[in-house]
Protein backbone atom coordinates (compact mmCIF):
# COMPACT_ATOMS: atom_id res chain seq x y z
CA UNK A 1 12.59 -3.24 56.01
CA UNK A 2 14.46 -0.17 54.81
CA UNK A 3 15.72 2.11 57.55
CA UNK A 4 16.25 5.10 55.25
CA UNK A 5 13.27 7.47 55.74
CA UNK A 6 13.83 8.99 52.31
CA UNK A 7 13.52 5.63 50.55
CA UNK A 8 10.46 3.73 51.79
CA UNK A 9 9.66 0.23 50.60
CA UNK A 10 7.55 0.02 47.39
CA UNK A 11 4.71 -1.54 49.38
CA UNK A 12 4.62 1.49 51.68
CA UNK A 13 4.47 3.85 48.70
CA UNK A 14 1.59 1.88 47.18
CA UNK A 15 -0.28 1.82 50.50
CA UNK A 16 0.03 5.58 50.99
CA UNK A 17 -1.10 6.22 47.43
CA UNK A 18 -4.19 4.11 48.08
CA UNK A 19 -5.04 5.87 51.34
CA UNK A 20 -5.32 9.38 49.95
CA UNK A 21 -4.39 11.48 46.96
CA UNK A 22 -0.88 12.65 47.74
CA UNK A 23 0.40 16.10 46.76
CA UNK A 24 3.70 16.31 44.88
CA UNK A 25 6.52 14.64 46.77
CA UNK A 26 8.68 16.87 48.91
CA UNK A 27 11.47 16.14 51.35
CA UNK A 28 10.66 15.83 55.04
CA UNK A 29 12.37 18.27 57.37
CA UNK A 30 15.60 17.15 58.98
CA UNK A 31 13.79 16.75 62.31
CA UNK A 32 11.15 14.48 60.78
CA UNK A 33 13.74 12.49 58.86
CA UNK A 34 15.54 11.81 62.14
CA UNK A 35 12.27 10.93 63.91
CA UNK A 36 11.26 8.59 61.12
CA UNK A 37 14.70 6.93 61.07
CA UNK A 38 14.60 6.46 64.85
CA UNK A 39 11.12 4.92 64.70
CA UNK A 40 12.15 2.47 62.00
CA UNK A 41 15.34 1.53 63.85
CA UNK A 42 13.34 0.83 67.01
CA UNK A 43 10.94 -1.37 65.05
CA UNK A 44 13.80 -3.25 63.39
CA UNK A 45 15.55 -3.92 66.71
CA UNK A 46 12.31 -5.05 68.39
CA UNK A 47 11.62 -7.47 65.52
CA UNK A 48 15.17 -8.80 65.75
CA UNK A 49 14.73 -9.45 69.47
CA UNK A 50 11.63 -11.53 68.75
CA UNK A 51 9.29 -9.49 70.92
CA UNK A 52 7.68 -6.07 71.08
CA UNK A 53 7.23 -4.14 74.32
CA UNK A 54 3.64 -4.02 75.51
CA UNK A 55 2.08 -1.47 77.80
CA UNK A 56 0.31 -2.61 80.90
CA UNK A 57 -3.35 -3.33 80.13
CA UNK A 58 -5.76 -0.86 81.71
CA UNK A 59 -9.50 -1.06 81.21
CA UNK A 60 -11.40 2.08 80.28
CA UNK A 61 -13.99 3.78 82.42
CA UNK A 62 -15.78 6.61 80.64
CA UNK A 63 -18.27 9.16 81.88
CA UNK A 64 -20.09 11.52 79.51
CA UNK A 65 -19.95 14.58 81.75
CA UNK A 66 -19.46 18.17 80.52
CA UNK A 67 -16.29 19.83 81.81
CA UNK A 68 -15.91 23.56 82.21
CA UNK A 69 -13.77 26.04 80.28
CA UNK A 70 -12.44 23.88 77.51
CA UNK A 71 -11.75 20.64 79.36
CA UNK A 72 -13.14 17.77 77.31
CA UNK A 73 -15.88 15.48 78.45
CA UNK A 74 -14.07 12.33 77.48
CA UNK A 75 -10.54 10.96 77.71
CA UNK A 76 -10.26 7.73 75.75
CA UNK A 77 -7.47 5.58 77.14
CA UNK A 78 -6.48 4.23 73.75
CA UNK A 79 -2.84 4.54 72.92
CA UNK A 80 -0.54 2.12 71.32
CA UNK A 81 1.58 -0.95 71.16
CA UNK A 82 4.26 -0.08 68.62
CA UNK A 83 3.48 -1.51 65.21
CA UNK A 84 -0.04 -2.55 66.24
CA UNK A 85 -1.89 -4.48 63.53
CA UNK A 86 -5.63 -4.57 63.03
CA UNK A 87 -7.88 -1.93 61.56
CA UNK A 88 -11.56 -1.26 61.35
CA UNK A 89 -13.87 -1.19 58.37
CA UNK A 90 -17.18 0.54 59.03
CA UNK A 91 -20.37 1.19 57.15
CA UNK A 92 -22.22 3.53 59.47
CA UNK A 93 -22.32 5.20 62.87
CA UNK A 94 -23.84 2.35 64.85
CA UNK A 95 -22.55 0.82 68.07
CA UNK A 96 -20.40 -1.85 66.46
CA UNK A 97 -17.67 -2.01 63.85
CA UNK A 98 -15.86 -4.87 62.17
CA UNK A 99 -12.36 -5.28 63.61
CA UNK A 100 -9.66 -7.07 61.69
CA UNK A 101 -9.56 -4.79 58.68
CA UNK A 102 -6.08 -3.86 57.58
CA UNK A 103 -4.26 -1.21 59.61
CA UNK A 104 -2.79 -0.43 56.28
CA UNK A 105 0.00 2.00 57.06
CA UNK A 106 3.07 1.42 59.17
CA UNK A 107 4.36 3.90 61.72
CA UNK A 108 6.54 5.36 58.98
CA UNK A 109 3.44 6.06 56.90
CA UNK A 110 1.78 7.73 59.90
CA UNK A 111 4.73 10.12 60.18
CA UNK A 112 4.37 11.03 56.51
CA UNK A 113 0.59 11.45 56.77
CA UNK A 114 0.83 13.66 59.86
CA UNK A 115 3.47 15.77 58.15
CA UNK A 116 1.08 16.38 55.24
CA UNK A 117 -1.80 17.14 57.60
CA UNK A 118 0.43 19.64 59.44
CA UNK A 119 1.36 21.34 56.16
CA UNK A 120 -2.32 21.82 55.32
CA UNK A 121 -3.12 23.07 58.84
CA UNK A 122 -0.31 25.64 58.70
CA UNK A 123 -1.65 27.01 55.41
CA UNK A 124 -5.12 27.79 56.74
CA UNK A 125 -5.95 31.47 57.42
CA UNK A 126 -5.80 32.54 61.06
CA UNK A 127 -8.77 34.06 62.87
CA UNK A 128 -8.55 37.65 64.06
CA UNK A 129 -9.60 37.37 67.67
CA UNK A 130 -10.33 39.94 70.42
CA UNK A 131 -10.02 39.16 74.12
CA UNK A 132 -13.72 39.86 74.69
CA UNK A 133 -14.85 37.29 72.11
CA UNK A 134 -15.67 33.59 72.27
CA UNK A 135 -14.45 30.46 70.52
CA UNK A 136 -17.42 28.51 69.14
CA UNK A 137 -17.38 24.79 68.32
CA UNK A 138 -20.42 22.80 67.17
CA UNK A 139 -20.23 19.03 67.07
CA UNK A 140 -22.18 15.80 67.13
CA UNK A 141 -21.12 13.43 69.89
CA UNK A 142 -21.88 10.17 71.62
CA UNK A 143 -19.92 8.82 74.57
CA UNK A 144 -20.06 5.60 76.53
CA UNK A 145 -21.29 5.54 80.09
CA UNK A 146 -20.52 3.04 82.81
CA UNK A 147 -22.09 2.80 86.25
CA UNK A 148 -21.35 0.71 89.32
CA UNK A 149 -24.56 -1.23 88.64
CA UNK A 150 -23.76 -1.84 84.97
CA UNK A 151 -20.08 -2.48 84.15
CA UNK A 152 -20.74 -2.67 80.40
CA UNK A 153 -20.03 0.46 78.38
CA UNK A 154 -23.25 1.78 76.83
CA UNK A 155 -22.90 4.21 73.93
CA UNK A 156 -25.22 7.19 74.15
CA UNK A 157 -27.32 8.31 71.18
CA UNK A 158 -25.39 10.80 69.00
CA UNK A 159 -26.56 14.32 69.79
CA UNK A 160 -25.72 17.97 69.20
CA UNK A 161 -23.17 19.76 71.37
CA UNK A 162 -22.28 23.47 71.11
CA UNK A 163 -19.77 25.30 73.28
CA UNK A 164 -18.60 28.90 73.64
CA UNK A 165 -15.27 29.49 75.43
CA UNK A 166 -13.96 32.92 76.42
CA UNK A 167 -10.96 33.78 74.25
CA UNK A 168 -8.86 34.95 77.21
CA UNK A 169 -10.70 33.07 79.97
CA UNK A 170 -11.97 36.25 81.63
CA UNK A 171 -15.67 35.49 81.06
CA UNK A 172 -17.97 32.58 81.65
CA UNK A 173 -18.56 30.22 78.75
CA UNK A 174 -21.66 28.33 77.73
CA UNK A 175 -22.54 24.75 76.77
CA UNK A 176 -25.68 23.72 74.85
CA UNK A 177 -26.25 19.97 75.09
CA UNK A 178 -29.34 17.76 75.30
CA UNK A 179 -31.64 20.76 75.60
CA UNK A 180 -29.71 22.28 78.51
CA UNK A 181 -27.82 25.57 78.75
CA UNK A 182 -24.93 25.00 81.13
CA UNK A 183 -22.66 27.85 82.26
CA UNK A 184 -18.93 27.19 82.13
CA UNK A 185 -17.12 29.03 84.89
CA UNK A 186 -19.87 31.43 85.97
CA UNK A 187 -23.59 31.97 86.59
CA UNK A 188 -26.59 32.31 84.28
CA UNK A 189 -28.93 35.30 84.16
CA UNK A 190 -32.73 35.05 83.95
CA UNK A 191 -32.49 34.47 80.20
CA UNK A 192 -30.09 31.56 80.63
CA UNK A 193 -27.00 33.46 79.53
CA UNK A 194 -23.67 33.56 81.43
CA UNK A 195 -23.30 36.52 83.77
CA UNK A 196 -19.88 38.24 83.59
CA UNK A 197 -18.67 38.66 87.13
CA UNK A 198 -15.67 38.94 89.41
CA UNK A 199 -14.87 35.25 88.91
CA UNK A 200 -13.51 34.64 85.39
CA UNK A 201 -14.53 31.63 83.35
CA UNK A 202 -11.04 30.12 83.15
CA UNK A 203 -8.49 32.01 85.24
CA UNK A 204 -5.75 29.35 84.98
CA UNK A 205 -5.77 27.81 81.49
CA UNK A 206 -3.58 24.78 80.85
CA UNK A 207 -3.22 21.88 78.42
CA UNK A 208 -6.33 20.16 79.78
CA UNK A 209 -8.37 23.36 79.97
CA UNK A 210 -7.04 25.77 77.34
CA UNK A 211 -8.13 29.14 76.04
CA UNK A 212 -7.30 30.58 72.63
CA UNK A 213 -4.79 32.96 74.23
CA UNK A 214 -3.16 30.04 76.04
CA UNK A 215 -2.86 28.08 72.80
CA UNK A 216 -1.14 31.08 71.22
CA UNK A 217 1.67 30.70 73.78
CA UNK A 218 2.45 27.05 73.00
CA UNK A 219 5.79 26.26 71.33
CA UNK A 220 5.58 25.81 67.58
CA UNK A 221 8.66 23.60 67.52
CA UNK A 222 7.22 20.04 67.61
CA UNK A 223 9.98 18.65 69.84
CA UNK A 224 9.65 21.46 72.38
CA UNK A 225 5.85 21.19 72.31
CA UNK A 226 5.91 17.44 72.92
CA UNK A 227 8.41 17.89 75.75
CA UNK A 228 6.05 20.41 77.37
CA UNK A 229 3.15 17.98 77.01
CA UNK A 230 5.17 15.15 78.57
CA UNK A 231 6.31 17.40 81.44
CA UNK A 232 2.86 18.79 82.25
CA UNK A 233 1.04 15.45 82.04
CA UNK A 234 3.67 13.42 83.91
CA UNK A 235 2.03 10.87 86.21
CA UNK A 236 -1.38 11.11 84.49
CA UNK A 237 -3.06 8.30 82.59
CA UNK A 238 -1.61 4.84 81.91
CA UNK A 239 1.69 6.13 80.52
CA UNK A 240 3.43 9.20 79.11
CA UNK A 241 3.02 8.32 75.42
CA UNK A 242 -0.67 7.49 75.86
CA UNK A 243 -1.35 10.65 77.82
CA UNK A 244 0.48 12.80 75.28
CA UNK A 245 -1.57 11.36 72.43
CA UNK A 246 -4.85 11.89 74.30
CA UNK A 247 -3.86 15.44 75.25
CA UNK A 248 -3.10 16.39 71.65
CA UNK A 249 -6.39 14.87 70.51
CA UNK A 250 -8.25 16.91 73.12
CA UNK A 251 -6.58 20.12 71.95
CA UNK A 252 -7.53 19.39 68.34
CA UNK A 253 -11.17 18.57 68.93
CA UNK A 254 -12.97 21.26 70.89
CA UNK A 255 -10.99 24.46 70.47
CA UNK A 256 -9.71 26.82 67.79
CA UNK A 257 -5.92 27.07 67.62
CA UNK A 258 -3.63 29.33 65.55
CA UNK A 259 -2.59 27.53 62.33
CA UNK A 260 1.06 27.26 63.33
CA UNK A 261 0.10 25.68 66.67
CA UNK A 262 -2.24 23.18 65.01
CA UNK A 263 0.59 22.21 62.67
CA UNK A 264 2.99 21.78 65.59
CA UNK A 265 0.49 19.53 67.40
CA UNK A 266 0.27 17.20 64.40
CA UNK A 267 4.04 17.10 64.02
CA UNK A 268 4.42 16.45 67.75
CA UNK A 269 2.01 13.52 67.45
CA UNK A 270 4.26 12.08 64.75
CA UNK A 271 7.08 11.89 67.33
CA UNK A 272 5.06 9.70 69.73
CA UNK A 273 5.83 5.96 69.44
CA UNK A 274 3.00 3.67 68.40
CA UNK A 275 1.04 5.86 65.98
CA UNK A 276 -0.49 4.01 63.02
CA UNK A 277 -2.88 4.73 60.15
CA UNK A 278 -6.32 3.14 59.70
CA UNK A 279 -7.45 3.23 56.10
CA UNK A 280 -11.17 3.79 56.76
CA UNK A 281 -12.99 5.23 59.75
CA UNK A 282 -16.25 7.14 60.17
CA UNK A 283 -17.20 10.03 62.45
CA UNK A 284 -20.45 10.69 64.30
CA UNK A 285 -21.88 12.49 61.26
CA UNK A 286 -21.30 9.48 59.02
CA UNK A 287 -18.34 10.98 57.17
CA UNK A 288 -15.66 8.49 56.12
CA UNK A 289 -11.98 9.35 56.22
CA UNK A 290 -8.46 8.13 56.89
CA UNK A 291 -7.48 7.96 60.57
CA UNK A 292 -4.38 8.39 62.68
CA UNK A 293 -4.71 5.94 65.55
CA UNK A 294 -3.18 4.39 68.67
CA UNK A 295 -4.12 1.27 70.62
CA UNK A 296 -4.08 0.59 74.34
CA UNK A 297 -5.67 -2.14 76.46
CA UNK A 298 -7.53 -3.62 73.53
CA UNK A 299 -9.06 -0.33 72.45
CA UNK A 300 -8.14 2.04 69.65
CA UNK A 301 -8.66 5.79 69.43
CA UNK A 302 -8.83 7.30 65.95
CA UNK A 303 -8.41 10.88 64.73
CA UNK A 304 -10.37 11.01 61.48
CA UNK A 305 -9.41 13.25 58.54
CA UNK A 306 -11.06 14.01 55.22
CA UNK A 307 -9.21 11.96 52.65
CA UNK A 308 -8.98 14.82 50.12
CA UNK A 309 -8.71 18.01 52.18
CA UNK A 310 -7.02 16.45 55.28
CA UNK A 311 -9.39 18.47 57.47
CA UNK A 312 -9.93 17.11 60.99
CA UNK A 313 -13.40 15.52 61.06
CA UNK A 314 -13.69 13.94 64.49
CA UNK A 315 -12.66 11.05 66.70
CA UNK A 316 -13.78 7.52 67.37
CA UNK A 317 -13.01 4.78 69.89
CA UNK A 318 -13.25 1.08 69.00
CA UNK A 319 -12.78 -2.05 71.11
CA UNK A 320 -10.47 -4.57 69.43
CA UNK A 321 -11.02 -7.45 71.84
CA UNK A 322 -13.64 -8.72 74.25
CA UNK A 323 -13.50 -7.53 77.85
CA UNK A 324 -15.82 -7.39 80.87
CA UNK A 325 -16.70 -3.85 79.76
CA UNK A 326 -17.65 -4.56 76.15
CA UNK A 327 -17.28 -6.67 73.06
CA UNK A 328 -14.88 -6.71 70.15
CA UNK A 329 -16.00 -4.21 67.50
CA UNK A 330 -17.99 -2.07 69.93
CA UNK A 331 -17.85 1.69 69.39
CA UNK A 332 -16.95 3.35 72.68
CA UNK A 333 -17.11 6.99 71.56
CA UNK A 334 -17.76 8.97 68.40
CA UNK A 335 -17.56 12.68 67.63
CA UNK A 336 -17.83 14.94 64.58
CA UNK A 337 -16.74 18.57 64.45
CA UNK A 338 -19.35 20.40 62.35
CA UNK A 339 -18.36 24.06 62.69
CA UNK A 340 -15.82 26.31 64.39
CA UNK A 341 -15.75 30.07 64.62
CA UNK A 342 -15.51 33.23 66.71
CA UNK A 343 -18.50 35.08 68.21
CA UNK A 344 -19.04 38.25 70.20
CA UNK A 345 -21.34 36.64 72.77
CA UNK A 346 -22.05 33.14 74.13
CA UNK A 347 -25.11 31.65 72.46
CA UNK A 348 -24.45 33.60 69.26
CA UNK A 349 -23.63 31.85 65.98
CA UNK A 350 -20.47 33.00 64.22
CA UNK A 351 -20.42 34.89 60.94
CA UNK A 352 -17.13 33.39 59.81
CA UNK A 353 -16.55 29.74 60.53
CA UNK A 354 -13.92 27.13 59.84
């Protein structure tokens, strides 16, 4: 294997060309060249030693419960063994997939793909946002549920989910899901709308419960951003790399972030060990795309992107081996982001969306 990030093997070039139409070649930044070189050196040394480090196996327990003020209803514990092989080929949005397809890009290819995704994200126009407005995200979701009486993970039926989060956290938000109107950080009036009061919707935003204004304050340097994520999630989840990957995925899915912050999140993800590319995945709306993925405890989480536009489509979780909680090929979670925008009131649909 070549250890020069500027001169990948011919097979890697062919694989990337097959995954998506690539824009004209351009040099990676010095930071990403160093990150890519370090990743490849680690892989080379692990191969030479005859063994790869493996994270401690931890089984997943998922609950499909709405969380207030931007916290996400699901944290998939699916991060990676470095250089993990095994992909997924799918033909629909059912409860099973076919494991064993080719995880067709190496970690080096994932770095390149995430760099291209970040470039596209940075080029998108920014929203003009007032403090008294709301971030709106509409999606289609299905999450697995476990109970003490039934240890098997059971995937819910995909359904609509719409959320409105206060831009600065000073007002209550709103969740529409399964026919219910659920206030986020406040009370509802007689018409089922949040009541602005003395208690703000999200007075202390953080990485796990962000607001748009909070996201504006995040570092746009990928290394500094990843360091912040590691520091603030220390001790959470099955390990720091896993928790960082999950945290970034959460920030990408159900919020609106400034373009430069979105780009930094993708570039930060490229610095996490164990990220791979899956050549074909499908979101909850049935849209196929290329996925950035990580594996942990026999399960893989996938961030799915449109193959042509590199737009974030959604996420999916897949079991790669049998366990007491499910079977190989079982879909453990699936989401699809359908619309994002800014509104003046909770419950209102946005004029401009993205």
